[in-house]
């Protein structure tokens, strides 16, 4: 029967992490801000519509 313990000689498999370019980081930050703003505005609009209507 084969042992399934991790061996220090075994290499990790899977996707490799790559460092994002500075422009990618700014675009990701801008997208995060846009999504959070849209969620806040939508939530406020929903609350106002429930209170008024």
Protein backbone atom coordinates (compact mmCIF):
# COMPACT_ATOMS: atom_id res chain seq x y z
CA UNK A 1 0.00 0.00 0.00
CA UNK A 2 1.28 3.46 -0.88
CA UNK A 3 1.82 6.12 1.76
CA UNK A 4 0.20 9.50 1.15
CA UNK A 5 2.44 11.56 3.41
CA UNK A 6 4.08 14.66 2.02
CA UNK A 7 7.65 14.24 0.99
CA UNK A 8 10.11 17.10 1.00
CA UNK A 9 11.43 15.95 -2.36
CA UNK A 10 8.01 16.12 -4.01
CA UNK A 11 7.35 19.34 -5.93
CA UNK A 12 4.10 21.24 -5.58
CA UNK A 13 1.73 21.05 -8.50
CA UNK A 14 -0.92 23.45 -9.72
CA UNK A 15 -1.13 27.00 -10.94
CA UNK A 16 1.89 29.14 -10.32
CA UNK A 17 1.45 32.56 -8.78
CA UNK A 18 2.64 35.44 -10.86
CA UNK A 19 3.11 39.00 -9.72
CA UNK A 20 0.66 41.45 -11.24
CA UNK A 21 1.97 44.43 -13.15
CA UNK A 22 1.48 47.83 -11.48
CA UNK A 23 -1.20 48.75 -14.04
CA UNK A 24 -3.10 45.55 -13.20
CA UNK A 25 -3.04 46.40 -9.51
CA UNK A 26 -4.46 49.87 -10.17
CA UNK A 27 -7.17 48.47 -12.42
CA UNK A 28 -8.09 45.89 -9.80
CA UNK A 29 -8.25 48.60 -7.13
CA UNK A 30 -10.40 50.79 -9.40
CA UNK A 31 -12.73 47.86 -10.08
CA UNK A 32 -13.02 47.14 -6.36
CA UNK A 33 -13.95 50.75 -5.67
CA UNK A 34 -16.51 50.76 -8.49
CA UNK A 35 -18.16 47.54 -7.28
CA UNK A 36 -18.29 48.70 -3.65
CA UNK A 37 -19.74 52.05 -4.72
CA UNK A 38 -22.39 50.32 -6.84
CA UNK A 39 -23.34 48.04 -3.93
CA UNK A 40 -23.61 50.97 -1.51
CA UNK A 41 -25.68 53.06 -3.94
CA UNK A 42 -27.94 50.10 -4.71
CA UNK A 43 -28.39 49.33 -1.02
CA UNK A 44 -29.26 52.94 -0.20
CA UNK A 45 -31.70 53.07 -3.14
CA UNK A 46 -33.35 49.85 -1.92
CA UNK A 47 -33.71 51.16 1.62
CA UNK A 48 -35.13 54.48 0.39
CA UNK A 49 -37.61 52.71 -1.87
CA UNK A 50 -38.78 50.51 1.01
CA UNK A 51 -39.17 53.44 3.39
CA UNK A 52 -40.89 55.78 0.93
CA UNK A 53 -42.95 53.24 -0.95
